Amino acid sequence: MAATDVRPKITLACQECKHRNYITRKNRR
């Protein structure tokens, strides 16, 4: 159960980090 709950959490964090990084890169450009 813990792994199942952590999996979606990691995916969400990864997506948010990627989206944030993309915006930062665009703004930096």
PDB file of N, CA and C in Angstrom:
ATOM      1  N   MET A   1       0.850  -1.200   0.000  1.00  0.00           N
ATOM      2  CA  MET A   1       0.000   0.000   0.000  1.00  0.00           C
ATOM      3  C   MET A   1       0.898   1.268   0.000  1.00  0.00           C
ATOM      4  N   ALA A   2       1.930   1.250   0.794  1.00  0.00           N
ATOM      5  CA  ALA A   2       2.793   2.444   0.860  1.00  0.00           C
ATOM      6  C   ALA A   2       3.383   2.735  -0.524  1.00  0.00           C
ATOM      7  N   ALA A   3       3.895   1.704  -1.164  1.00  0.00           N
ATOM      8  CA  ALA A   3       4.518   1.916  -2.490  1.00  0.00           C
ATOM      9  C   ALA A   3       3.476   2.511  -3.444  1.00  0.00           C
ATOM     10  N   THR A   4       2.279   1.974  -3.412  1.00  0.00           N
ATOM     11  CA  THR A   4       1.242   2.505  -4.327  1.00  0.00           C
ATOM     12  C   THR A   4       0.976   3.981  -4.020  1.00  0.00           C
ATOM     13  N   ASP A   5       0.993   4.327  -2.756  1.00  0.00           N
ATOM     14  CA  ASP A   5       0.706   5.737  -2.403  1.00  0.00           C
ATOM     15  C   ASP A   5       1.898   6.626  -2.771  1.00  0.00           C
ATOM     16  N   VAL A   6       3.103   6.079  -2.659  1.00  0.00           N
ATOM     17  CA  VAL A   6       4.298   6.898  -2.966  1.00  0.00           C
ATOM     18  C   VAL A   6       4.436   7.068  -4.480  1.00  0.00           C
ATOM     19  N   ARG A   7       4.068   6.036  -5.211  1.00  0.00           N
ATOM     20  CA  ARG A   7       4.247   6.099  -6.691  1.00  0.00           C
ATOM     21  C   ARG A   7       3.564   7.354  -7.271  1.00  0.00           C
ATOM     22  N   PRO A   8       2.293   7.550  -7.037  1.00  0.00           N
ATOM     23  CA  PRO A   8       1.617   8.730  -7.588  1.00  0.00           C
ATOM     24  C   PRO A   8       2.217  10.031  -7.057  1.00  0.00           C
ATOM     25  N   LYS A   9       2.664   9.984  -5.809  1.00  0.00           N
ATOM     26  CA  LYS A   9       3.265  11.197  -5.217  1.00  0.00           C
ATOM     27  C   LYS A   9       4.542  11.561  -5.983  1.00  0.00           C
ATOM     28  N   ILE A  10       5.368  10.559  -6.247  1.00  0.00           N
ATOM     29  CA  ILE A  10       6.631  10.821  -6.965  1.00  0.00           C
ATOM     30  C   ILE A  10       6.318  11.334  -8.371  1.00  0.00           C
ATOM     31  N   THR A  11       5.367  10.675  -9.028  1.00  0.00           N
ATOM     32  CA  THR A  11       5.034  11.097 -10.404  1.00  0.00           C
ATOM     33  C   THR A  11       4.585  12.555 -10.397  1.00  0.00           C
ATOM     34  N   LEU A  12       3.748  12.902  -9.455  1.00  0.00           N
ATOM     35  CA  LEU A  12       3.251  14.283  -9.409  1.00  0.00           C
ATOM     36  C   LEU A  12       4.424  15.252  -9.162  1.00  0.00           C
ATOM     37  N   ALA A  13       5.275  14.908  -8.223  1.00  0.00           N
ATOM     38  CA  ALA A  13       6.415  15.777  -7.913  1.00  0.00           C
ATOM     39  C   ALA A  13       7.316  15.891  -9.142  1.00  0.00           C
ATOM     40  N   CYS A  14       7.564  14.783  -9.805  1.00  0.00           N
ATOM     41  CA  CYS A  14       8.447  14.807 -10.989  1.00  0.00           C
ATOM     42  C   CYS A  14       7.825  15.714 -12.050  1.00  0.00           C
ATOM     43  N   GLN A  15       6.537  15.547 -12.277  1.00  0.00           N
ATOM     44  CA  GLN A  15       5.871  16.381 -13.302  1.00  0.00           C
ATOM     45  C   GLN A  15       5.956  17.853 -12.903  1.00  0.00           C
ATOM     46  N   GLU A  16       5.711  18.132 -11.646  1.00  0.00           N
ATOM     47  CA  GLU A  16       5.744  19.537 -11.201  1.00  0.00           C
ATOM     48  C   GLU A  16       7.162  20.088 -11.366  1.00  0.00           C
ATOM     49  N   CYS A  17       8.160  19.284 -10.990  1.00  0.00           N
ATOM     50  CA  CYS A  17       9.552  19.742 -11.104  1.00  0.00           C
ATOM     51  C   CYS A  17       9.873  20.006 -12.578  1.00  0.00           C
ATOM     52  N   LYS A  18       9.462  19.085 -13.439  1.00  0.00           N
ATOM     53  CA  LYS A  18       9.741  19.250 -14.882  1.00  0.00           C
ATOM     54  C   LYS A  18       9.050  20.523 -15.393  1.00  0.00           C
ATOM     55  N   HIS A  19       7.796  20.694 -15.023  1.00  0.00           N
ATOM     56  CA  HIS A  19       7.042  21.878 -15.496  1.00  0.00           C
ATOM     57  C   HIS A  19       7.716  23.154 -14.967  1.00  0.00           C
ATOM     58  N   ARG A  20       8.125  23.118 -13.721  1.00  0.00           N
ATOM     59  CA  ARG A  20       8.752  24.315 -13.110  1.00  0.00           C
ATOM     60  C   ARG A  20      10.073  24.588 -13.830  1.00  0.00           C
ATOM     61  N   ASN A  21      10.832  23.517 -14.065  1.00  0.00           N
ATOM     62  CA  ASN A  21      12.130  23.692 -14.728  1.00  0.00           C
ATOM     63  C   ASN A  21      11.907  24.271 -16.127  1.00  0.00           C
ATOM     64  N   TYR A  22      10.899  23.778 -16.824  1.00  0.00           N
ATOM     65  CA  TYR A  22      10.615  24.269 -18.192  1.00  0.00           C
ATOM     66  C   TYR A  22      10.320  25.778 -18.152  1.00  0.00           C
ATOM     67  N   ILE A  23       9.511  26.188 -17.204  1.00  0.00           N
ATOM     68  CA  ILE A  23       9.170  27.627 -17.111  1.00  0.00           C
ATOM     69  C   ILE A  23      10.434  28.433 -16.780  1.00  0.00           C
ATOM     70  N   THR A  24      11.220  27.923 -15.849  1.00  0.00           N
ATOM     71  CA  THR A  24      12.451  28.652 -15.470  1.00  0.00           C
ATOM     72  C   THR A  24      13.373  28.779 -16.676  1.00  0.00           C
ATOM     73  N   ARG A  25      13.501  27.697 -17.440  1.00  0.00           N
ATOM     74  CA  ARG A  25      14.397  27.729 -18.613  1.00  0.00           C
ATOM     75  C   ARG A  25      13.862  28.763 -19.627  1.00  0.00           C
ATOM     76  N   LYS A  26      12.569  28.762 -19.831  1.00  0.00           N
ATOM     77  CA  LYS A  26      11.984  29.702 -20.816  1.00  0.00           C
ATOM     78  C   LYS A  26      12.221  31.149 -20.331  1.00  0.00           C
ATOM     79  N   ASN A  27      11.982  31.364 -19.049  1.00  0.00           N
ATOM     80  CA  ASN A  27      12.145  32.730 -18.521  1.00  0.00           C
ATOM     81  C   ASN A  27      13.625  33.126 -18.602  1.00  0.00           C
ATOM     82  N   ARG A  28      14.515  32.176 -18.338  1.00  0.00           N
ATOM     83  CA  ARG A  28      15.952  32.483 -18.342  1.00  0.00           C
ATOM     84  C   ARG A  28      16.350  32.888 -19.775  1.00  0.00           C
ATOM     85  N   ARG A  29      15.765  32.212 -20.743  1.00  0.00           N
ATOM     86  CA  ARG A  29      16.127  32.488 -22.143  1.00  0.00           C
ATOM     87  C   ARG A  29      15.716  33.918 -22.419  1.00  0.00           C
TER      88      ARG A  29
END
